[in-house]
Amino acid sequence: MRSARENGSLMPPKYILNAPTKLMKQEGYSEGYRYDHDEPDAFSGQEYFPEKMGRQHYYDPPERGFEREIKKRLEWWERLRKERNKEN
C-alpha cells in the first residue's frame, strides 16, 4: 500500500504494453518485449515496474520450511535478472 500511496498511478514500461493500433506501434509500445517462455530458463529478466518507481522489494522469506526454497528461487531469479539485463 505504501508504494501505491507514494508513487500513485505510474505507467509501466512501454515494452510490456499492448500495441493494438498502428499509432501505438509507431510510438514504441511493445517494442523490445521479450516473452519469458522464449528465453533460457523461461525467464527474460525484464523489469515490469514503472521506470520512475524502480524495482521494489516486498517479500523477504525467512530461512525456515518451504520459504527457504522460495528464498533460493528469488535469489536465483535476481542473479538471472542482473545477467540478462547486462546482455540487453
Protein backbone atom coordinates (compact mmCIF):
# COMPACT_ATOMS: atom_id res chain seq x y z
CA MET A 1 0.00 0.00 0.00
CA ARG A 2 2.83 2.40 0.78
CA SER A 3 4.21 2.06 -2.76
CA ALA A 4 0.80 2.91 -4.21
CA ARG A 5 0.43 5.94 -1.94
CA GLU A 6 3.97 7.20 -2.61
CA ASN A 7 4.05 6.57 -6.36
CA GLY A 8 0.45 6.97 -7.43
CA SER A 9 -0.51 5.69 -10.85
CA LEU A 10 2.64 5.38 -12.96
CA MET A 11 2.86 3.95 -16.46
CA PRO A 12 4.59 0.58 -16.80
CA PRO A 13 7.42 0.31 -19.33
CA LYS A 14 6.17 0.68 -22.91
CA TYR A 15 7.61 -2.66 -23.92
CA ILE A 16 5.07 -4.57 -21.84
CA LEU A 17 2.09 -2.59 -23.10
CA ASN A 18 -0.06 -3.95 -25.89
CA ALA A 19 0.13 -2.14 -29.25
CA PRO A 20 -3.20 -2.86 -30.96
CA THR A 21 -3.06 0.19 -33.24
CA LYS A 22 -0.61 1.42 -35.85
CA LEU A 23 -0.09 4.65 -33.89
CA MET A 24 0.80 2.77 -30.71
CA LYS A 25 3.31 0.65 -32.65
CA GLN A 26 4.83 3.84 -34.09
CA GLU A 27 5.04 5.24 -30.56
CA GLY A 28 7.11 2.23 -29.47
CA TYR A 29 4.55 0.29 -27.46
CA SER A 30 5.52 -3.39 -27.07
CA GLU A 31 8.88 -2.74 -28.80
CA GLY A 32 11.64 -4.75 -27.17
CA TYR A 33 9.32 -7.06 -25.27
CA ARG A 34 10.88 -10.45 -24.58
CA TYR A 35 8.46 -13.30 -23.95
CA ASP A 36 9.67 -15.18 -20.87
CA HIS A 37 8.92 -18.64 -22.24
CA ASP A 38 11.06 -17.96 -25.32
CA GLU A 39 14.09 -17.21 -23.13
CA PRO A 40 16.54 -19.60 -21.46
CA ASP A 41 15.11 -20.90 -18.18
CA ALA A 42 11.78 -19.29 -19.24
CA PHE A 43 12.90 -16.00 -17.67
CA SER A 44 13.68 -12.80 -19.58
CA GLY A 45 14.74 -10.70 -16.61
CA GLN A 46 12.85 -7.68 -17.94
CA GLU A 47 11.62 -5.12 -15.44
CA TYR A 48 7.88 -4.58 -15.23
CA PHE A 49 7.77 -1.90 -12.56
CA PRO A 50 7.35 1.68 -13.79
CA GLU A 51 10.73 3.23 -14.61
CA LYS A 52 10.15 6.15 -12.21
CA MET A 53 9.44 3.68 -9.43
CA GLY A 54 12.29 1.24 -9.92
CA ARG A 55 12.39 -2.35 -8.78
CA GLN A 56 10.60 -2.91 -5.47
CA HIS A 57 11.18 -5.50 -2.76
CA TYR A 58 8.00 -6.62 -0.97
CA TYR A 59 8.79 -10.04 0.44
CA ASP A 60 11.78 -11.43 2.30
CA PRO A 61 11.14 -15.10 3.10
CA PRO A 62 12.63 -16.44 6.34
CA GLU A 63 15.10 -19.33 6.43
CA ARG A 64 12.57 -21.96 7.54
CA GLY A 65 10.27 -24.51 5.99
CA PHE A 66 9.37 -24.18 2.34
CA GLU A 67 10.06 -20.45 2.47
CA ARG A 68 13.76 -21.38 2.47
CA GLU A 69 13.22 -22.80 -1.04
CA ILE A 70 11.27 -19.72 -2.10
CA LYS A 71 14.18 -17.57 -0.92
CA LYS A 72 16.61 -19.60 -3.04
CA ARG A 73 14.38 -19.22 -6.08
CA LEU A 74 14.04 -15.45 -5.58
CA GLU A 75 17.83 -15.14 -5.27
CA TRP A 76 18.30 -17.23 -8.42
CA TRP A 77 15.87 -15.00 -10.36
CA GLU A 78 17.69 -11.90 -9.12
CA ARG A 79 21.03 -13.27 -10.36
CA LEU A 80 19.46 -14.14 -13.72
CA ARG A 81 17.85 -10.69 -13.93
CA LYS A 82 21.22 -9.00 -13.44
CA GLU A 83 22.89 -11.23 -16.04
CA ARG A 84 20.12 -10.83 -18.61
CA ASN A 85 19.91 -7.07 -18.17
CA LYS A 86 23.67 -6.76 -18.75
CA GLU A 87 23.24 -8.62 -22.04
CA ASN A 88 20.44 -6.37 -23.29
